[in-house]
Amino acid sequence: MTEWLNVGKIVNTHGVRGEVRVISRTDFPEERYAIGNKLYLFKDDEPVALTVSSHRKHKQFNLLTFEGFHNINEVVHMKEGILKVKEDQGGKLGKEEFYYRDIIGLEVHTEDGEYLGKVKEILSPGANDVWVVQNVNGGKDLLLPYIEQVVKNVDLDSGKITVHLMEGLRD
């Protein structure tokens, strides 16, 4: 069974020449949206293979065209579709880099061994990601910046993250 990685969502068309506006969900936009790269559109039943024929940035969007689609009428049905790649097309990660899907669901413990909860989502507000940990006691979620002063160890094999709680993080 093929596993898929979400790389973006088509939110609208752009102009009349078959361009679509994509909100990107990938850390590898240059690779994913490169001319000639294959993306798969998930909207209805079966994924549809698309080949990128152009890519440019415009404001917060990535604008793409696909081979064989030359006007707005041919792409308007793609709105709200999700663009994905096969898992084996995943980019190579550095030593301290992880896919979101690998982090979400991991248990978070302090250096002293206190269990804090599980990562339920990851936010990307700017300079660094923020890992949202669902509070084990039912209180407010804990927001942990993904910086080396806080995240001390990520062990994917054991499903455990070790963190140093800096002053003010629990408030």
Protein backbone atom coordinates (compact mmCIF):
# COMPACT_ATOMS: atom_id res chain seq x y z
CA MET A 1 0.00 0.00 0.00
CA THR A 2 1.36 3.41 -1.00
CA GLU A 3 1.92 6.00 1.72
CA TRP A 4 1.49 9.64 0.72
CA LEU A 5 3.01 12.90 1.95
CA ASN A 6 0.92 16.06 1.84
CA VAL A 7 2.80 18.87 0.07
CA GLY A 8 0.09 21.49 -0.45
CA LYS A 9 -3.53 22.46 -0.97
CA ILE A 10 -4.93 24.10 -4.09
CA VAL A 11 -7.02 26.97 -2.76
CA ASN A 12 -7.92 28.77 -5.97
CA THR A 13 -7.09 29.48 -9.58
CA HIS A 14 -4.89 32.41 -10.58
CA GLY A 15 -5.53 34.25 -13.82
CA VAL A 16 -6.93 32.57 -16.92
CA ARG A 17 -3.93 30.56 -18.13
CA GLY A 18 -4.30 27.47 -15.96
CA GLU A 19 -2.32 28.58 -12.90
CA VAL A 20 -3.42 27.40 -9.46
CA ARG A 21 -2.73 28.93 -6.04
CA VAL A 22 -1.21 26.48 -3.60
CA ILE A 23 -0.76 26.85 0.15
CA SER A 24 2.42 24.88 0.63
CA ARG A 25 2.76 22.23 3.36
CA THR A 26 6.28 21.08 2.53
CA ASP A 27 9.74 21.95 3.76
CA PHE A 28 11.05 21.23 0.24
CA PRO A 29 9.12 23.58 -2.09
CA GLU A 30 11.99 23.96 -4.57
CA GLU A 31 12.15 20.18 -4.95
CA ARG A 32 8.41 19.46 -4.84
CA TYR A 33 7.41 22.16 -7.31
CA ALA A 34 10.37 21.78 -9.68
CA ILE A 35 9.50 21.69 -13.37
CA GLY A 36 8.97 18.08 -14.44
CA ASN A 37 8.22 16.82 -10.91
CA LYS A 38 5.21 14.54 -10.43
CA LEU A 39 2.54 15.52 -7.93
CA TYR A 40 -0.70 13.68 -7.24
CA LEU A 41 -4.00 15.50 -6.87
CA PHE A 42 -6.37 14.03 -4.26
CA LYS A 43 -9.86 15.39 -4.60
CA ASP A 44 -12.39 12.79 -5.55
CA ASP A 45 -11.75 9.05 -5.74
CA GLU A 46 -8.48 8.16 -7.42
CA PRO A 47 -5.35 10.33 -7.24
CA VAL A 48 -4.57 12.12 -10.51
CA ALA A 49 -0.91 12.35 -11.58
CA LEU A 50 0.17 15.86 -12.56
CA THR A 51 3.50 17.05 -13.96
CA VAL A 52 4.63 20.55 -12.91
CA SER A 53 5.28 22.80 -15.92
CA SER A 54 5.89 26.08 -14.05
CA HIS A 55 6.32 27.37 -10.52
CA ARG A 56 6.62 30.84 -9.04
CA LYS A 57 5.99 32.51 -5.70
CA HIS A 58 3.32 35.19 -5.31
CA LYS A 59 2.69 36.65 -1.86
CA GLN A 60 2.14 33.69 0.50
CA PHE A 61 1.21 31.31 -2.34
CA ASN A 62 3.06 29.01 -4.70
CA LEU A 63 1.62 29.35 -8.19
CA LEU A 64 1.80 26.20 -10.32
CA THR A 65 0.82 25.11 -13.80
CA PHE A 66 0.66 21.52 -14.95
CA GLU A 67 1.39 19.90 -18.30
CA GLY A 68 -1.75 19.58 -20.41
CA PHE A 69 -3.72 22.21 -18.47
CA HIS A 70 -3.65 25.56 -20.31
CA ASN A 71 -6.64 27.60 -19.13
CA ILE A 72 -8.79 28.32 -16.11
CA ASN A 73 -11.59 26.02 -17.27
CA GLU A 74 -9.26 23.01 -17.16
CA VAL A 75 -8.07 23.66 -13.57
CA VAL A 76 -11.09 25.15 -11.78
CA HIS A 77 -12.17 21.65 -10.66
CA MET A 78 -8.84 21.27 -8.80
CA LYS A 79 -9.83 23.86 -6.15
CA GLU A 80 -9.79 22.39 -2.63
CA GLY A 81 -7.69 19.45 -3.85
CA ILE A 82 -4.67 18.22 -1.89
CA LEU A 83 -1.32 17.76 -3.63
CA LYS A 84 0.73 14.80 -2.45
CA VAL A 85 3.84 12.82 -3.34
CA LYS A 86 4.63 9.19 -2.72
CA GLU A 87 6.48 8.59 0.53
CA ASP A 88 9.56 7.33 -1.34
CA GLN A 89 9.83 10.80 -2.92
CA GLY A 90 10.47 12.24 0.57
CA GLY A 91 13.40 14.61 0.87
CA LYS A 92 16.56 13.75 2.77
CA LEU A 93 16.57 15.11 6.29
CA GLY A 94 19.48 16.36 8.34
CA LYS A 95 20.55 14.92 11.69
CA GLU A 96 18.15 16.95 13.88
CA GLU A 97 15.31 17.21 11.35
CA PHE A 98 12.09 15.22 11.45
CA TYR A 99 8.89 14.88 9.50
CA TYR A 100 5.87 16.22 11.37
CA ARG A 101 4.22 12.81 11.07
CA ASP A 102 7.15 11.28 13.01
CA ILE A 103 6.85 13.73 15.93
CA ILE A 104 3.08 13.88 16.36
CA GLY A 105 2.00 11.27 18.90
CA LEU A 106 5.37 10.94 20.66
CA GLU A 107 5.45 11.06 24.47
CA VAL A 108 7.14 14.07 26.06
CA HIS A 109 9.11 13.73 29.31
CA THR A 110 11.21 16.18 31.30
CA GLU A 111 14.86 15.49 32.00
CA ASP A 112 13.70 14.40 35.49
CA GLY A 113 11.41 11.76 33.97
CA GLU A 114 8.09 13.57 34.48
CA TYR A 115 5.55 12.63 31.80
CA LEU A 116 4.02 15.77 30.26
CA GLY A 117 1.78 14.35 27.54
CA LYS A 118 1.91 13.65 23.81
CA VAL A 119 2.64 15.95 20.89
CA LYS A 120 -0.72 16.60 19.23
CA GLU A 121 0.27 19.12 16.56
CA ILE A 122 3.11 21.28 15.30
CA LEU A 123 2.79 25.00 14.62
CA SER A 124 5.09 26.94 12.29
CA PRO A 125 4.65 30.56 13.38
CA GLY A 126 8.03 31.88 12.24
CA ALA A 127 11.59 31.44 13.43
CA ASN A 128 11.10 27.92 14.80
CA ASP A 129 8.41 25.28 15.05
CA VAL A 130 6.32 25.00 18.22
CA TRP A 131 5.32 21.54 19.40
CA VAL A 132 1.88 21.46 21.06
CA VAL A 133 1.78 18.91 23.89
CA GLN A 134 -1.64 17.82 25.10
CA ASN A 135 -1.59 18.25 28.86
CA VAL A 136 -1.86 14.90 30.63
CA ASN A 137 -3.85 16.56 33.45
CA GLY A 138 -6.43 18.07 31.12
CA GLY A 139 -5.20 21.65 31.56
CA LYS A 140 -3.92 24.04 28.93
CA ASP A 141 -1.74 22.58 26.19
CA LEU A 142 1.99 23.02 26.67
CA LEU A 143 3.73 24.94 23.87
CA LEU A 144 7.34 23.88 23.39
CA PRO A 145 9.58 25.76 20.97
CA TYR A 146 11.71 23.38 18.92
CA ILE A 147 15.06 24.84 19.98
CA GLU A 148 18.10 23.06 21.38
CA GLN A 149 17.71 24.72 24.82
CA VAL A 150 14.31 23.00 25.21
CA VAL A 151 14.26 19.81 23.11
CA LYS A 152 17.15 17.73 24.39
CA ASN A 153 16.52 14.37 22.69
CA VAL A 154 14.12 12.84 20.19
CA ASP A 155 14.13 9.05 20.13
CA LEU A 156 11.85 7.87 17.33
CA ASP A 157 12.53 4.21 18.12
CA SER A 158 11.22 4.48 21.69
CA GLY A 159 8.62 7.12 20.84
CA LYS A 160 9.98 9.50 23.46
CA ILE A 161 11.06 13.14 23.52
CA THR A 162 13.14 14.52 26.41
CA VAL A 163 12.81 18.23 27.14
CA HIS A 164 14.21 20.85 29.48
CA LEU A 165 11.38 23.05 30.74
CA MET A 166 12.75 26.56 30.77
CA GLU A 167 11.17 28.99 33.21
CA GLY A 168 7.79 30.26 31.99
CA LEU A 169 6.96 27.40 29.60
CA ARG A 170 4.36 25.89 31.94
CA ASP A 171 2.54 29.18 32.54
